[in-house]
């Protein structure tokens, strides 16, 4: 192992999700060199068997796009062209849906293409493509069911056995590997492997059987969504709509209707989502008596936010959704408790946080009337979770001092930078606004 590989491993230990392009800039080498060295350092481990509980792919859209880090990882295994083709097909679906529903939108055809190219913050598009600091690194509009099919074909191509209708019921580990108990259509079976990787979602059987903790915050909202055939597509314009009872979503590019209500879900198991339950939710949220010809798939979702504190127990590895890596730290909880107290007791700080939420949303919509109370509430929940990093990240990360780098000047950084009375940031906490260099004047 040479000096470059040692530095590469050190960088990955600090941030295992960093992009190859950023690693290349830090290490002073090309992207191709970073990719080649990473492949060299990868252990000789490959997936042989993939167990899937469902007998058929889930058609419910749980995510409509993938981010830059995922895109770069998929490109490295040769899926770049398929992703581009899938996004083009999705965008064509947006345009078709917009044409079909143009009569339902005041002023005619909605600009769904431009809106689809932006990121969102609390349900409002946040960053326009032309204003990104790294325009080449963007999300791609590839719906989750489409991505699953792309990955299925790739797995089959490299020789992975995909076994549907196989449910894990237990596991046991020893010094050489892990044995997995599985319920199959042909009865109980056991599979033996060196490693077991759990990628089975929030209700993970792998996580539970291996004994991973799963701390976090409970849900404050309940969403219902279905892949439907509408009786007349012009009933709902495509997009995300702030409506009196919550949020209404139609599309985009997929015949998906979703109704979000800002109330916590009941404790009891609600069973499978029915067409009637979805229609009743749409009527409560938006006052629309939705005409549904057929619901092909459906489900519920919440804003519950949880993560595992560690990603390995013995021979069991766990892959989770990228939430916060620090929210369960005792130091973070201590700083957040002080921050939440200040939000309750310090009027100026509370108003400052509201201005930050409002600034982000107004920068996106250009229309103050489009910002509803529920969007402000959701945005403030996000800011409350992020604010401790503005207040005292040295205490959270156990370092002598820390500078928080942000892509713009925010009301919160301005508030702390002028050393206000009352609630203050730690003296060791600094702020840096990072942006592109000013354009040359040619002089």
Protein backbone atom coordinates (compact mmCIF):
# COMPACT_ATOMS: atom_id res chain seq x y z
CA UNK A 1 0.00 0.00 0.00
CA UNK A 2 1.59 3.28 -1.09
CA UNK A 3 1.20 6.81 0.32
CA UNK A 4 -1.69 7.69 -2.01
CA UNK A 5 -3.70 4.67 -0.91
CA UNK A 6 -3.05 5.46 2.76
CA UNK A 7 -4.29 9.02 2.24
CA UNK A 8 -7.27 7.70 0.28
CA UNK A 9 -8.26 5.36 3.11
CA UNK A 10 -7.88 8.19 5.62
CA UNK A 11 -10.19 10.43 3.56
CA UNK A 12 -12.79 7.67 3.22
CA UNK A 13 -12.66 7.05 6.97
CA UNK A 14 -13.57 10.71 7.53
CA UNK A 15 -16.39 10.64 4.97
CA UNK A 16 -17.22 7.33 3.35
CA UNK A 17 -19.87 8.98 1.14
CA UNK A 18 -17.62 11.57 -0.50
CA UNK A 19 -17.62 11.62 -4.30
CA UNK A 20 -14.67 10.42 -6.38
CA UNK A 21 -14.39 13.87 -7.99
CA UNK A 22 -14.02 15.56 -4.61
CA UNK A 23 -11.51 12.95 -3.45
CA UNK A 24 -9.52 13.58 -6.63
CA UNK A 25 -9.39 17.33 -5.95
CA UNK A 26 -8.30 16.81 -2.34
CA UNK A 27 -5.63 14.23 -3.20
CA UNK A 28 -4.39 16.04 -6.30
CA UNK A 29 -4.99 13.18 -8.75
CA UNK A 30 -7.51 12.38 -11.48
CA UNK A 31 -10.99 10.91 -10.98
CA UNK A 32 -9.85 7.82 -12.87
CA UNK A 33 -6.93 7.30 -10.48
CA UNK A 34 -9.23 7.48 -7.46
CA UNK A 35 -11.64 4.99 -9.05
CA UNK A 36 -8.82 2.60 -9.96
CA UNK A 37 -7.27 2.72 -6.48
CA UNK A 38 -10.65 2.22 -4.80
CA UNK A 39 -11.27 -0.88 -6.90
CA UNK A 40 -7.84 -2.17 -5.90
CA UNK A 41 -8.59 -1.63 -2.20
CA UNK A 42 -12.00 -3.29 -2.32
CA UNK A 43 -12.10 -6.68 -0.58
CA UNK A 44 -12.71 -9.76 -2.69
CA UNK A 45 -16.36 -10.03 -1.69
CA UNK A 46 -19.26 -10.39 -4.11
CA UNK A 47 -22.98 -10.91 -3.72
CA UNK A 48 -24.15 -14.41 -4.55
CA UNK A 49 -27.78 -14.60 -3.34
CA UNK A 50 -30.38 -11.85 -2.95
CA UNK A 51 -33.45 -12.69 -0.86
CA UNK A 52 -36.62 -10.71 -1.59
CA UNK A 53 -39.71 -11.02 0.57
CA UNK A 54 -42.11 -9.86 -2.13
CA UNK A 55 -43.20 -12.18 -4.88
CA UNK A 56 -43.58 -9.26 -7.32
CA UNK A 57 -41.81 -5.86 -7.52
CA UNK A 58 -43.43 -3.07 -5.50
CA UNK A 59 -44.92 -0.52 -7.91
CA UNK A 60 -45.50 2.15 -5.23
CA UNK A 61 -43.24 5.14 -5.80
CA UNK A 62 -41.26 5.69 -2.58
CA UNK A 63 -38.70 7.98 -4.24
CA UNK A 64 -38.85 9.83 -7.53
CA UNK A 65 -35.18 10.57 -8.03
CA UNK A 66 -31.64 9.62 -7.02
CA UNK A 67 -28.91 11.94 -5.77
CA UNK A 68 -25.39 12.65 -7.07
CA UNK A 69 -23.57 10.16 -4.81
CA UNK A 70 -25.86 7.30 -5.86
CA UNK A 71 -25.56 8.33 -9.51
CA UNK A 72 -21.77 8.32 -9.35
CA UNK A 73 -21.73 4.90 -7.67
CA UNK A 74 -24.06 3.45 -10.31
CA UNK A 75 -22.04 4.98 -13.14
CA UNK A 76 -18.95 3.25 -11.78
CA UNK A 77 -20.60 -0.13 -12.32
CA UNK A 78 -21.60 0.71 -15.87
CA UNK A 79 -25.22 1.87 -15.45
CA UNK A 80 -24.80 5.47 -16.62
CA UNK A 81 -26.45 5.02 -20.02
CA UNK A 82 -29.44 3.18 -18.52
CA UNK A 83 -29.96 5.96 -15.99
CA UNK A 84 -29.92 8.61 -18.72
CA UNK A 85 -32.45 6.64 -20.78
CA UNK A 86 -34.67 6.11 -17.74
CA UNK A 87 -34.62 9.83 -16.90
CA UNK A 88 -35.49 10.78 -20.47
CA UNK A 89 -38.48 8.44 -20.36
CA UNK A 90 -39.58 9.92 -17.02
CA UNK A 91 -39.32 13.49 -18.32
CA UNK A 92 -41.35 12.50 -21.37
CA UNK A 93 -43.96 11.19 -18.95
CA UNK A 94 -43.99 14.57 -17.19
CA UNK A 95 -44.64 16.34 -20.47
CA UNK A 96 -47.40 13.93 -21.44
CA UNK A 97 -49.09 14.29 -18.05
CA UNK A 98 -48.87 18.07 -18.30
CA UNK A 99 -50.57 18.02 -21.70
CA UNK A 100 -53.34 15.74 -20.42
CA UNK A 101 -54.09 17.99 -17.45
CA UNK A 102 -53.48 21.39 -19.06
CA UNK A 103 -57.18 22.31 -18.98
CA UNK A 104 -57.25 21.82 -15.20
CA UNK A 105 -54.51 24.38 -14.55
CA UNK A 106 -55.29 28.11 -14.58
CA UNK A 107 -53.30 29.67 -17.39
CA UNK A 108 -52.78 26.40 -19.23
CA UNK A 109 -49.88 23.96 -19.26
CA UNK A 110 -47.92 23.86 -15.96
CA UNK A 111 -44.15 24.19 -16.20
CA UNK A 112 -43.52 20.71 -14.80
CA UNK A 113 -40.26 20.21 -16.68
CA UNK A 114 -38.56 23.24 -15.11
CA UNK A 115 -39.91 22.36 -11.68
CA UNK A 116 -38.76 18.76 -11.97
CA UNK A 117 -35.15 19.88 -12.42
CA UNK A 118 -35.05 21.60 -9.01
CA UNK A 119 -34.39 20.23 -5.53
CA UNK A 120 -36.97 20.70 -2.80
CA UNK A 121 -37.08 21.96 0.78
CA UNK A 122 -40.15 21.03 2.85
CA UNK A 123 -42.02 20.27 -0.37
CA UNK A 124 -40.98 23.42 -2.22
CA UNK A 125 -38.35 23.38 -4.95
CA UNK A 126 -35.16 24.83 -3.50
CA UNK A 127 -32.28 25.06 -5.95
CA UNK A 128 -32.51 25.93 -9.64
CA UNK A 129 -30.16 24.11 -11.99
CA UNK A 130 -28.41 27.31 -13.10
CA UNK A 131 -27.59 28.24 -9.51
CA UNK A 132 -25.93 25.02 -8.37
CA UNK A 133 -22.31 25.34 -7.21
CA UNK A 134 -21.49 22.06 -9.03
CA UNK A 135 -23.88 21.97 -12.01
CA UNK A 136 -22.47 18.66 -13.19
CA UNK A 137 -23.50 16.96 -9.94
CA UNK A 138 -27.28 16.81 -9.83
CA UNK A 139 -30.07 14.44 -9.03
CA UNK A 140 -31.67 12.37 -11.78
CA UNK A 141 -35.38 11.78 -12.16
CA UNK A 142 -35.32 7.98 -12.06
CA UNK A 143 -38.29 6.63 -10.06
CA UNK A 144 -37.54 3.92 -7.53
CA UNK A 145 -39.48 1.12 -9.31
CA UNK A 146 -37.50 1.86 -12.49
CA UNK A 147 -34.20 1.85 -10.60
CA UNK A 148 -35.11 -1.46 -8.96
CA UNK A 149 -35.64 -3.01 -12.41
CA UNK A 150 -32.29 -1.64 -13.64
CA UNK A 151 -30.53 -3.12 -10.61
CA UNK A 152 -32.35 -6.44 -11.03
CA UNK A 153 -31.06 -6.76 -14.59
CA UNK A 154 -27.55 -5.87 -13.48
CA UNK A 155 -27.65 -8.44 -10.68
CA UNK A 156 -28.75 -11.18 -13.06
CA UNK A 157 -26.04 -10.17 -15.53
CA UNK A 158 -23.26 -10.63 -12.96
CA UNK A 159 -24.65 -13.95 -11.73
CA UNK A 160 -26.57 -13.03 -8.57
CA UNK A 161 -29.42 -15.42 -7.71
CA UNK A 162 -32.56 -13.40 -7.00
CA UNK A 163 -35.00 -15.45 -4.90
CA UNK A 164 -38.47 -13.91 -4.61
CA UNK A 165 -41.04 -14.74 -1.92
CA UNK A 166 -38.23 -15.60 0.52
CA UNK A 167 -38.69 -14.20 4.04
CA UNK A 168 -35.86 -14.17 6.58
CA UNK A 169 -37.05 -15.55 9.92
CA UNK A 170 -33.81 -15.62 11.90
CA UNK A 171 -30.03 -15.77 11.87
CA UNK A 172 -27.11 -17.07 13.91
CA UNK A 173 -23.45 -16.16 13.72
CA UNK A 174 -20.22 -17.97 14.47
CA UNK A 175 -16.54 -17.21 13.95
CA UNK A 176 -16.68 -18.08 10.24
CA UNK A 177 -19.89 -16.42 9.04
CA UNK A 178 -23.65 -16.29 9.36
CA UNK A 179 -26.49 -18.78 8.83
CA UNK A 180 -29.84 -17.33 7.74
CA UNK A 181 -33.17 -19.07 8.32
CA UNK A 182 -35.61 -18.38 5.49
CA UNK A 183 -39.28 -19.19 4.84
CA UNK A 184 -39.70 -20.05 1.15
CA UNK A 185 -42.58 -21.25 -1.05
CA UNK A 186 -41.11 -24.75 -0.65
CA UNK A 187 -40.80 -24.61 3.13
CA UNK A 188 -38.09 -23.60 5.61
CA UNK A 189 -34.49 -23.41 4.36
CA UNK A 190 -31.12 -22.20 5.61
CA UNK A 191 -28.51 -20.21 3.70
CA UNK A 192 -24.88 -20.00 4.72
CA UNK A 193 -22.71 -16.97 3.89
CA UNK A 194 -19.59 -15.17 5.01
CA UNK A 195 -21.54 -11.89 5.28
CA UNK A 196 -25.19 -10.86 5.48
CA UNK A 197 -26.10 -7.39 4.24
CA UNK A 198 -29.45 -5.97 5.38
CA UNK A 199 -31.15 -3.63 2.87
CA UNK A 200 -34.73 -4.35 3.90
CA UNK A 201 -36.07 -0.97 4.93
CA UNK A 202 -37.41 0.63 8.09
CA UNK A 203 -39.02 -2.57 9.39
CA UNK A 204 -35.85 -4.54 8.74
CA UNK A 205 -35.94 -8.17 9.84
CA UNK A 206 -32.13 -8.27 9.53
CA UNK A 207 -31.72 -5.32 11.88
CA UNK A 208 -34.08 -6.82 14.45
CA UNK A 209 -32.58 -10.31 14.35
CA UNK A 210 -29.00 -9.01 14.59
CA UNK A 211 -29.83 -6.75 17.54
CA UNK A 212 -29.11 -3.33 16.01
CA UNK A 213 -30.52 -0.41 17.99
CA UNK A 214 -32.78 1.93 16.03
CA UNK A 215 -33.17 5.26 17.86
CA UNK A 216 -34.74 8.39 16.45
CA UNK A 217 -37.92 10.45 16.39
CA UNK A 218 -41.47 9.23 15.87
CA UNK A 219 -43.80 10.33 13.07
CA UNK A 220 -45.71 13.62 13.04
CA UNK A 221 -47.51 13.11 9.72
CA UNK A 222 -49.18 10.36 7.72
CA UNK A 223 -49.21 10.05 3.96
CA UNK A 224 -51.22 7.70 1.78
CA UNK A 225 -50.39 7.07 -1.85
CA UNK A 226 -51.55 4.85 -4.64
CA UNK A 227 -50.62 4.02 -8.22
CA UNK A 228 -54.00 4.56 -9.84
CA UNK A 229 -55.93 4.79 -13.06
CA UNK A 230 -58.04 7.94 -12.76
CA UNK A 231 -61.46 8.41 -14.31
CA UNK A 232 -60.38 11.54 -16.17
CA UNK A 233 -56.76 12.66 -15.57
CA UNK A 234 -57.72 16.36 -15.39
CA UNK A 235 -59.10 15.96 -11.85
CA UNK A 236 -55.75 16.97 -10.34
CA UNK A 237 -52.96 19.05 -11.90
CA UNK A 238 -49.55 17.38 -11.70
CA UNK A 239 -47.15 18.44 -8.99
CA UNK A 240 -47.01 19.07 -5.25
CA UNK A 241 -49.88 21.23 -3.99
CA UNK A 242 -50.22 22.95 -0.61
CA UNK A 243 -53.95 22.53 0.14
CA UNK A 244 -56.09 23.38 3.18
CA UNK A 245 -55.88 19.94 4.76
CA UNK A 246 -52.22 19.15 4.05
CA UNK A 247 -50.39 18.33 0.80
CA UNK A 248 -51.73 16.75 -2.39
CA UNK A 249 -49.42 15.13 -4.95
CA UNK A 250 -50.17 13.88 -8.44
CA UNK A 251 -47.48 12.33 -10.65
CA UNK A 252 -45.10 13.26 -11.86
CA UNK A 253 -44.40 10.85 -14.70
CA UNK A 254 -46.11 8.09 -12.72
CA UNK A 255 -49.86 7.78 -12.12
CA UNK A 256 -49.38 8.35 -8.40
CA UNK A 257 -51.80 10.17 -6.12
CA UNK A 258 -50.68 10.99 -2.58
CA UNK A 259 -52.45 12.78 0.27
CA UNK A 260 -50.36 13.97 3.24
CA UNK A 261 -51.99 14.91 6.54
CA UNK A 262 -50.02 16.56 9.33
CA UNK A 263 -51.29 14.26 12.07
CA UNK A 264 -49.42 11.30 13.60
CA UNK A 265 -50.58 7.84 12.50
CA UNK A 266 -52.53 5.65 14.93
CA UNK A 267 -50.63 3.08 16.96
CA UNK A 268 -52.58 0.09 15.66
CA UNK A 269 -51.77 -1.72 12.43
CA UNK A 270 -53.98 -0.30 9.67
CA UNK A 271 -53.47 -3.23 7.31
CA UNK A 272 -53.26 -2.79 3.55
CA UNK A 273 -54.21 0.56 2.05
CA UNK A 274 -57.53 0.37 0.21
CA UNK A 275 -58.80 2.47 -2.66
CA UNK A 276 -61.58 3.78 -0.41
CA UNK A 277 -59.07 4.92 2.27
CA UNK A 278 -57.03 6.77 -0.36
CA UNK A 279 -60.11 8.49 -1.82
CA UNK A 280 -61.28 9.54 1.66
CA UNK A 281 -57.84 10.97 2.44
CA UNK A 282 -57.82 13.01 -0.80
CA UNK A 283 -61.27 14.37 0.03
CA UNK A 284 -60.21 15.35 3.57
CA UNK A 285 -57.03 17.01 2.38
CA UNK A 286 -58.19 18.75 -0.81
CA UNK A 287 -61.98 18.46 -0.95
CA UNK A 288 -61.78 16.45 -4.19
CA UNK A 289 -64.10 13.51 -4.79
CA UNK A 290 -61.48 11.51 -6.67
CA UNK A 291 -62.67 9.24 -9.45
CA UNK A 292 -60.50 6.11 -9.46
CA UNK A 293 -60.96 3.40 -12.05
CA UNK A 294 -58.43 1.05 -10.46
CA UNK A 295 -55.66 1.20 -7.85
CA UNK A 296 -52.78 -1.05 -8.92
CA UNK A 297 -50.69 -0.58 -5.76
CA UNK A 298 -50.76 1.52 -2.62
CA UNK A 299 -49.20 2.18 0.74
CA UNK A 300 -48.62 4.59 3.62
CA UNK A 301 -45.58 6.57 4.71
CA UNK A 302 -44.58 8.87 7.57
CA UNK A 303 -41.78 11.29 8.46
CA UNK A 304 -40.36 9.00 11.12
CA UNK A 305 -36.58 9.56 11.26
CA UNK A 306 -34.40 6.79 12.66
CA UNK A 307 -30.94 5.37 12.09
CA UNK A 308 -28.69 2.64 13.45
CA UNK A 309 -25.72 3.87 15.54
CA UNK A 310 -23.41 1.26 14.00
CA UNK A 311 -23.35 -0.48 10.65
CA UNK A 312 -21.83 -3.82 11.60
CA UNK A 313 -22.42 -6.57 14.16
CA UNK A 314 -20.17 -9.55 13.55
CA UNK A 315 -20.75 -10.78 10.00
CA UNK A 316 -23.94 -8.72 9.60
CA UNK A 317 -23.66 -5.41 7.77
CA UNK A 318 -26.46 -2.90 7.61
CA UNK A 319 -27.21 -0.34 4.95
CA UNK A 320 -29.60 2.43 5.99
CA UNK A 321 -31.03 5.54 4.43
CA UNK A 322 -28.69 8.53 4.79
CA UNK A 323 -30.12 10.48 7.71
CA UNK A 324 -28.06 12.33 10.29
CA UNK A 325 -24.91 10.66 11.53
CA UNK A 326 -24.87 12.67 14.75
CA UNK A 327 -28.45 13.00 15.99
CA UNK A 328 -28.09 10.19 18.51
CA UNK A 329 -24.87 11.53 20.03
CA UNK A 330 -25.27 12.65 23.62
CA UNK A 331 -23.40 15.87 22.84
CA UNK A 332 -25.77 16.65 19.96
CA UNK A 333 -28.80 16.03 22.17
CA UNK A 334 -27.39 18.38 24.82
CA UNK A 335 -26.84 21.19 22.31
CA UNK A 336 -30.24 20.59 20.73
CA UNK A 337 -31.93 20.81 24.13
CA UNK A 338 -30.35 24.24 24.68
CA UNK A 339 -31.29 25.27 21.14
CA UNK A 340 -34.94 24.24 21.54
CA UNK A 341 -35.12 26.12 24.86
CA UNK A 342 -33.83 29.23 23.09
CA UNK A 343 -36.46 28.81 20.38
CA UNK A 344 -39.11 28.84 23.10
CA UNK A 345 -37.67 31.61 25.28
CA UNK A 346 -35.57 33.87 23.00
CA UNK A 347 -37.90 35.77 20.68
CA UNK A 348 -35.14 37.18 18.46
CA UNK A 349 -33.58 33.78 17.87
CA UNK A 350 -36.97 32.23 17.18
CA UNK A 351 -37.80 34.92 14.62
CA UNK A 352 -34.36 34.45 13.06
CA UNK A 353 -35.03 30.73 12.48
CA UNK A 354 -38.39 31.59 10.91
CA UNK A 355 -36.66 34.08 8.61
CA UNK A 356 -34.22 31.39 7.51
CA UNK A 357 -37.04 29.03 6.58
CA UNK A 358 -38.94 31.81 4.82
CA UNK A 359 -35.83 32.99 2.94
CA UNK A 360 -35.13 29.55 1.53
CA UNK A 361 -38.72 29.07 0.42
CA UNK A 362 -39.16 32.57 -0.99
CA UNK A 363 -35.91 32.21 -2.93
CA UNK A 364 -37.47 29.20 -4.59
CA UNK A 365 -41.07 30.19 -5.20
CA UNK A 366 -40.71 33.97 -5.76
CA UNK A 367 -44.30 34.06 -4.39
CA UNK A 368 -44.92 34.62 -0.66
CA UNK A 369 -48.51 33.42 -1.01
CA UNK A 370 -47.30 29.94 -1.97
CA UNK A 371 -45.73 29.40 1.46
CA UNK A 372 -48.30 27.79 3.73
CA UNK A 373 -48.30 27.32 7.48
CA UNK A 374 -47.64 23.60 7.17
CA UNK A 375 -44.61 24.25 4.96
CA UNK A 376 -43.28 26.68 7.57
CA UNK A 377 -43.85 24.10 10.30
CA UNK A 378 -42.06 21.37 8.34
CA UNK A 379 -39.24 23.73 7.41
CA UNK A 380 -38.80 24.82 11.00
CA UNK A 381 -38.59 21.19 12.10
CA UNK A 382 -35.72 20.77 9.62
CA UNK A 383 -33.95 23.93 10.81
CA UNK A 384 -34.34 22.88 14.44
CA UNK A 385 -32.52 19.63 13.70
CA UNK A 386 -29.72 21.45 11.86
CA UNK A 387 -29.36 24.43 14.22
CA UNK A 388 -27.18 22.67 16.87
CA UNK A 389 -24.40 22.46 14.25
CA UNK A 390 -24.53 26.26 13.99
CA UNK A 391 -24.49 26.61 17.78
CA UNK A 392 -21.68 24.37 19.03
CA UNK A 393 -20.27 21.83 16.59
CA UNK A 394 -16.95 21.68 18.54
CA UNK A 395 -18.81 20.16 21.49
CA UNK A 396 -20.77 17.79 19.24
CA UNK A 397 -17.68 16.45 17.46
CA UNK A 398 -15.25 16.75 20.37
CA UNK A 399 -12.79 19.12 18.67
CA UNK A 400 -11.14 22.37 19.93
CA UNK A 401 -12.79 24.54 17.26
CA UNK A 402 -14.89 24.20 14.14
CA UNK A 403 -15.93 26.25 11.12
CA UNK A 404 -19.32 25.56 9.52
CA UNK A 405 -19.17 25.93 5.74
CA UNK A 406 -22.44 26.88 4.07
CA UNK A 407 -23.25 27.78 0.47
CA UNK A 408 -24.84 31.14 1.38
CA UNK A 409 -25.15 33.69 4.16
CA UNK A 410 -28.12 32.77 6.32
CA UNK A 411 -30.10 34.66 8.98
CA UNK A 412 -28.81 32.23 11.62
CA UNK A 413 -25.13 32.77 10.78
CA UNK A 414 -25.69 36.53 10.64
CA UNK A 415 -27.40 36.37 14.03
CA UNK A 416 -24.52 34.53 15.71
CA UNK A 417 -21.79 36.46 13.89
CA UNK A 418 -22.86 39.75 15.46
CA UNK A 419 -22.54 38.25 18.97
CA UNK A 420 -26.08 38.88 20.21
CA UNK A 421 -27.06 39.08 23.80
CA UNK A 422 -28.85 36.11 25.23
CA UNK A 423 -28.52 32.86 23.26
CA UNK A 424 -25.12 32.67 21.56
CA UNK A 425 -22.98 30.24 19.66
CA UNK A 426 -19.83 28.80 21.23
CA UNK A 427 -16.77 31.05 21.03
CA UNK A 428 -14.95 28.27 19.15
CA UNK A 429 -17.67 28.10 16.49
CA UNK A 430 -16.92 29.81 13.19
CA UNK A 431 -18.80 30.33 9.92
CA UNK A 432 -17.68 30.46 6.30
CA UNK A 433 -19.96 31.29 3.36
CA UNK A 434 -18.62 29.39 0.33
CA UNK A 435 -19.41 30.49 -3.19
CA UNK A 436 -17.94 30.64 -6.69
CA UNK A 437 -15.27 33.30 -7.34
CA UNK A 438 -16.52 36.60 -8.78
CA UNK A 439 -16.62 36.78 -12.55
CA UNK A 440 -13.59 38.36 -14.17
CA UNK A 441 -14.14 41.87 -15.50
CA UNK A 442 -11.41 41.47 -18.10
CA UNK A 443 -9.40 44.35 -16.65
